[in-house]
Amino acid sequence: MGRRAARAGDAALRDPTRTTKSGVPGHAHWAEALARAALERRGWTTVAANARVPGGELDLVMHDGASLVFVEVRQRAGAAQGGAADSLVARKRARVRRAAALWLARHGGDDRPVRFDAVLVDGDARRPRLRLVRDAF
């Protein structure tokens, strides 16, 4: 990744309301950056963000106390496609579980309990509504 892309990704994490391209390495989607900032304010610590593994990506890997938490961030701007919760379908949950297993095989889990949470973001960057769902799947 070039310096320019790294700076753009860093800027997105500093300013979670800034909309950036999604899916481009080095660019955090605004909803993921907003979710990360909200969880860090709760005392969670970030282990990895946008962690790529063969066949997938993990939005956030965080510590919440003694637990290692894989956080899936889902965002929907309007109800036309259903809400953010509606987008967390079985196929997506299975993909996150597979990616987490690969991440744990590579990095280890430090014998911590593992949890899968979701941060659901409804609305756009100007008026987002966040909801944390613990043990979402």
C-alpha atoms as a PDB file:
ATOM      1  CA  MET A   1       0.000   0.000   0.000  1.00  0.00           C
ATOM      2  CA  GLY A   2       1.359   3.395  -0.903  1.00  0.00           C
ATOM      3  CA  ARG A   3       1.745   6.304   1.479  1.00  0.00           C
ATOM      4  CA  ARG A   4      -1.135   8.145  -0.123  1.00  0.00           C
ATOM      5  CA  ALA A   5      -3.544   5.239   0.469  1.00  0.00           C
ATOM      6  CA  ALA A   6      -2.298   4.818   4.042  1.00  0.00           C
ATOM      7  CA  ARG A   7      -2.875   8.510   4.778  1.00  0.00           C
ATOM      8  CA  ALA A   8      -6.380   8.313   3.318  1.00  0.00           C
ATOM      9  CA  GLY A   9      -7.194   5.307   5.534  1.00  0.00           C
ATOM     10  CA  ASP A  10      -5.743   7.038   8.605  1.00  0.00           C
ATOM     11  CA  ALA A  11      -7.820  10.149   7.862  1.00  0.00           C
ATOM     12  CA  ALA A  12     -10.984   8.041   7.697  1.00  0.00           C
ATOM     13  CA  LEU A  13     -10.258   6.600  11.143  1.00  0.00           C
ATOM     14  CA  ARG A  14      -9.595  10.060  12.599  1.00  0.00           C
ATOM     15  CA  ASP A  15     -12.794  11.493  11.116  1.00  0.00           C
ATOM     16  CA  PRO A  16     -15.505   8.789  11.196  1.00  0.00           C
ATOM     17  CA  THR A  17     -18.034  11.050   9.457  1.00  0.00           C
ATOM     18  CA  ARG A  18     -15.853  11.253   6.342  1.00  0.00           C
ATOM     19  CA  THR A  19     -17.261   9.007   3.632  1.00  0.00           C
ATOM     20  CA  THR A  20     -14.600   7.009   1.823  1.00  0.00           C
ATOM     21  CA  LYS A  21     -14.625   4.198  -0.684  1.00  0.00           C
ATOM     22  CA  SER A  22     -15.626   0.857   0.738  1.00  0.00           C
ATOM     23  CA  GLY A  23     -13.741  -2.306  -0.100  1.00  0.00           C
ATOM     24  CA  VAL A  24     -10.478  -0.626  -1.066  1.00  0.00           C
ATOM     25  CA  PRO A  25      -7.509  -1.722   1.060  1.00  0.00           C
ATOM     26  CA  GLY A  26      -6.367   1.153   3.239  1.00  0.00           C
ATOM     27  CA  HIS A  27      -9.760   2.861   3.243  1.00  0.00           C
ATOM     28  CA  ALA A  28     -12.011   2.338   6.233  1.00  0.00           C
ATOM     29  CA  HIS A  29     -15.697   2.639   5.486  1.00  0.00           C
ATOM     30  CA  TRP A  30     -17.226   5.454   7.545  1.00  0.00           C
ATOM     31  CA  ALA A  31     -19.589   3.121   9.410  1.00  0.00           C
ATOM     32  CA  GLU A  32     -16.733   0.838  10.464  1.00  0.00           C
ATOM     33  CA  ALA A  33     -14.704   3.813  11.685  1.00  0.00           C
ATOM     34  CA  LEU A  34     -17.730   5.139  13.593  1.00  0.00           C
ATOM     35  CA  ALA A  35     -18.384   1.727  15.176  1.00  0.00           C
ATOM     36  CA  ARG A  36     -14.728   1.369  16.140  1.00  0.00           C
ATOM     37  CA  ALA A  37     -14.685   4.809  17.791  1.00  0.00           C
ATOM     38  CA  ALA A  38     -17.913   4.066  19.695  1.00  0.00           C
ATOM     39  CA  LEU A  39     -16.583   0.748  21.004  1.00  0.00           C
ATOM     40  CA  GLU A  40     -13.245   2.280  21.990  1.00  0.00           C
ATOM     41  CA  ARG A  41     -15.151   4.916  23.985  1.00  0.00           C
ATOM     42  CA  ARG A  42     -16.707   1.987  25.892  1.00  0.00           C
ATOM     43  CA  GLY A  43     -13.209   0.813  26.793  1.00  0.00           C
ATOM     44  CA  TRP A  44     -12.741  -1.839  24.118  1.00  0.00           C
ATOM     45  CA  THR A  45      -9.321  -2.091  22.489  1.00  0.00           C
ATOM     46  CA  THR A  46      -8.712  -2.702  18.808  1.00  0.00           C
ATOM     47  CA  VAL A  47      -6.636  -5.735  17.901  1.00  0.00           C
ATOM     48  CA  ALA A  48      -7.188  -5.484  14.136  1.00  0.00           C
ATOM     49  CA  ALA A  49      -9.363  -3.563  11.689  1.00  0.00           C
ATOM     50  CA  ASN A  50     -10.245  -4.787   8.205  1.00  0.00           C
ATOM     51  CA  ALA A  51      -8.194  -7.929   8.842  1.00  0.00           C
ATOM     52  CA  ARG A  52      -7.859  -9.827   5.599  1.00  0.00           C
ATOM     53  CA  VAL A  53      -7.727 -13.608   5.558  1.00  0.00           C
ATOM     54  CA  PRO A  54      -8.025 -15.977   2.588  1.00  0.00           C
ATOM     55  CA  GLY A  55     -11.608 -15.761   1.399  1.00  0.00           C
ATOM     56  CA  GLY A  56     -12.736 -12.900   3.575  1.00  0.00           C
ATOM     57  CA  GLU A  57     -12.238  -9.910   5.801  1.00  0.00           C
ATOM     58  CA  LEU A  58     -13.050  -9.196   9.428  1.00  0.00           C
ATOM     59  CA  ASP A  59     -14.339  -5.670  10.042  1.00  0.00           C
ATOM     60  CA  LEU A  60     -13.033  -5.388  13.616  1.00  0.00           C
ATOM     61  CA  VAL A  61     -11.245  -7.688  16.027  1.00  0.00           C
ATOM     62  CA  MET A  62     -11.347  -6.232  19.536  1.00  0.00           C
ATOM     63  CA  HIS A  63     -10.861  -7.003  23.207  1.00  0.00           C
ATOM     64  CA  ASP A  64     -13.829  -6.371  25.472  1.00  0.00           C
ATOM     65  CA  GLY A  65     -12.443  -7.120  28.903  1.00  0.00           C
ATOM     66  CA  ALA A  66     -11.351 -10.756  28.856  1.00  0.00           C
ATOM     67  CA  SER A  67     -13.154 -11.570  25.591  1.00  0.00           C
ATOM     68  CA  LEU A  68     -11.844 -11.523  22.035  1.00  0.00           C
ATOM     69  CA  VAL A  69     -14.676 -10.124  19.940  1.00  0.00           C
ATOM     70  CA  PHE A  70     -15.140 -10.347  16.186  1.00  0.00           C
ATOM     71  CA  VAL A  71     -17.334  -7.394  15.253  1.00  0.00           C
ATOM     72  CA  GLU A  72     -19.288  -7.315  12.010  1.00  0.00           C
ATOM     73  CA  VAL A  73     -20.429  -3.823  11.026  1.00  0.00           C
ATOM     74  CA  ARG A  74     -23.544  -3.625   8.847  1.00  0.00           C
ATOM     75  CA  GLN A  75     -24.812  -0.329   7.436  1.00  0.00           C
ATOM     76  CA  ARG A  76     -27.896   0.599   5.456  1.00  0.00           C
ATOM     77  CA  ALA A  77     -28.814   4.144   4.470  1.00  0.00           C
ATOM     78  CA  GLY A  78     -32.531   3.574   4.071  1.00  0.00           C
ATOM     79  CA  ALA A  79     -35.327   1.066   4.472  1.00  0.00           C
ATOM     80  CA  ALA A  80     -35.572   0.309   0.743  1.00  0.00           C
ATOM     81  CA  GLN A  81     -33.029  -2.511   1.127  1.00  0.00           C
ATOM     82  CA  GLY A  82     -34.169  -3.365   4.629  1.00  0.00           C
ATOM     83  CA  GLY A  83     -32.365  -2.235   7.744  1.00  0.00           C
ATOM     84  CA  ALA A  84     -28.828  -3.084   8.774  1.00  0.00           C
ATOM     85  CA  ALA A  85     -30.086  -6.050  10.814  1.00  0.00           C
ATOM     86  CA  ASP A  86     -31.739  -7.512   7.713  1.00  0.00           C
ATOM     87  CA  SER A  87     -28.379  -7.608   5.939  1.00  0.00           C
ATOM     88  CA  LEU A  88     -26.811  -9.952   8.504  1.00  0.00           C
ATOM     89  CA  VAL A  89     -27.992 -13.080   6.693  1.00  0.00           C
ATOM     90  CA  ALA A  90     -26.913 -16.674   7.396  1.00  0.00           C
ATOM     91  CA  ARG A  91     -24.421 -16.711   4.513  1.00  0.00           C
ATOM     92  CA  LYS A  92     -22.683 -13.589   5.854  1.00  0.00           C
ATOM     93  CA  ARG A  93     -22.581 -14.968   9.403  1.00  0.00           C
ATOM     94  CA  ALA A  94     -21.007 -18.203   8.122  1.00  0.00           C
ATOM     95  CA  ARG A  95     -18.417 -16.216   6.142  1.00  0.00           C
ATOM     96  CA  VAL A  96     -17.464 -14.225   9.259  1.00  0.00           C
ATOM     97  CA  ARG A  97     -17.177 -17.430  11.319  1.00  0.00           C
ATOM     98  CA  ARG A  98     -14.856 -18.979   8.688  1.00  0.00           C
ATOM     99  CA  ALA A  99     -12.734 -15.822   8.544  1.00  0.00           C
ATOM    100  CA  ALA A 100     -12.517 -15.751  12.354  1.00  0.00           C
ATOM    101  CA  ALA A 101     -11.370 -19.390  12.436  1.00  0.00           C
ATOM    102  CA  LEU A 102      -8.623 -18.579   9.932  1.00  0.00           C
ATOM    103  CA  TRP A 103      -7.611 -15.478  11.892  1.00  0.00           C
ATOM    104  CA  LEU A 104      -7.450 -17.476  15.144  1.00  0.00           C
ATOM    105  CA  ALA A 105      -5.376 -20.202  13.466  1.00  0.00           C
ATOM    106  CA  ARG A 106      -2.903 -17.556  12.309  1.00  0.00           C
ATOM    107  CA  HIS A 107      -2.838 -15.296  15.389  1.00  0.00           C
ATOM    108  CA  GLY A 108      -4.052 -17.434  18.266  1.00  0.00           C
ATOM    109  CA  GLY A 109      -6.781 -16.504  20.687  1.00  0.00           C
ATOM    110  CA  ASP A 110      -4.687 -16.177  23.860  1.00  0.00           C
ATOM    111  CA  ASP A 111      -7.158 -18.642  25.470  1.00  0.00           C
ATOM    112  CA  ARG A 112      -9.702 -15.836  25.721  1.00  0.00           C
ATOM    113  CA  PRO A 113     -13.417 -16.489  25.312  1.00  0.00           C
ATOM    114  CA  VAL A 114     -14.509 -15.609  21.771  1.00  0.00           C
ATOM    115  CA  ARG A 115     -17.676 -13.726  20.890  1.00  0.00           C
ATOM    116  CA  PHE A 116     -19.327 -12.530  17.673  1.00  0.00           C
ATOM    117  CA  ASP A 117     -21.012  -9.124  17.944  1.00  0.00           C
ATOM    118  CA  ALA A 118     -22.552  -6.848  15.360  1.00  0.00           C
ATOM    119  CA  VAL A 119     -22.793  -3.093  15.162  1.00  0.00           C
ATOM    120  CA  LEU A 120     -25.837  -2.147  13.141  1.00  0.00           C
ATOM    121  CA  VAL A 121     -25.735   1.305  11.580  1.00  0.00           C
ATOM    122  CA  ASP A 122     -28.925   2.660  10.073  1.00  0.00           C
ATOM    123  CA  GLY A 123     -28.884   5.995   8.263  1.00  0.00           C
ATOM    124  CA  ASP A 124     -26.165   7.868   6.447  1.00  0.00           C
ATOM    125  CA  ALA A 125     -22.987   9.534   7.712  1.00  0.00           C
ATOM    126  CA  ARG A 126     -24.885  12.711   8.618  1.00  0.00           C
ATOM    127  CA  ARG A 127     -27.459  10.993  10.875  1.00  0.00           C
ATOM    128  CA  PRO A 128     -26.297   7.501  11.812  1.00  0.00           C
ATOM    129  CA  ARG A 129     -28.049   5.359  14.421  1.00  0.00           C
ATOM    130  CA  LEU A 130     -25.799   2.700  15.975  1.00  0.00           C
ATOM    131  CA  ARG A 131     -26.907  -0.402  17.830  1.00  0.00           C
ATOM    132  CA  LEU A 132     -24.570  -2.955  19.388  1.00  0.00           C
ATOM    133  CA  VAL A 133     -25.816  -6.545  19.340  1.00  0.00           C
ATOM    134  CA  ARG A 134     -23.761  -8.754  21.651  1.00  0.00           C
ATOM    135  CA  ASP A 135     -23.550 -12.436  20.735  1.00  0.00           C
ATOM    136  CA  ALA A 136     -25.222 -11.605  17.431  1.00  0.00           C
ATOM    137  CA  PHE A 137     -24.357 -15.032  16.046  1.00  0.00           C
END
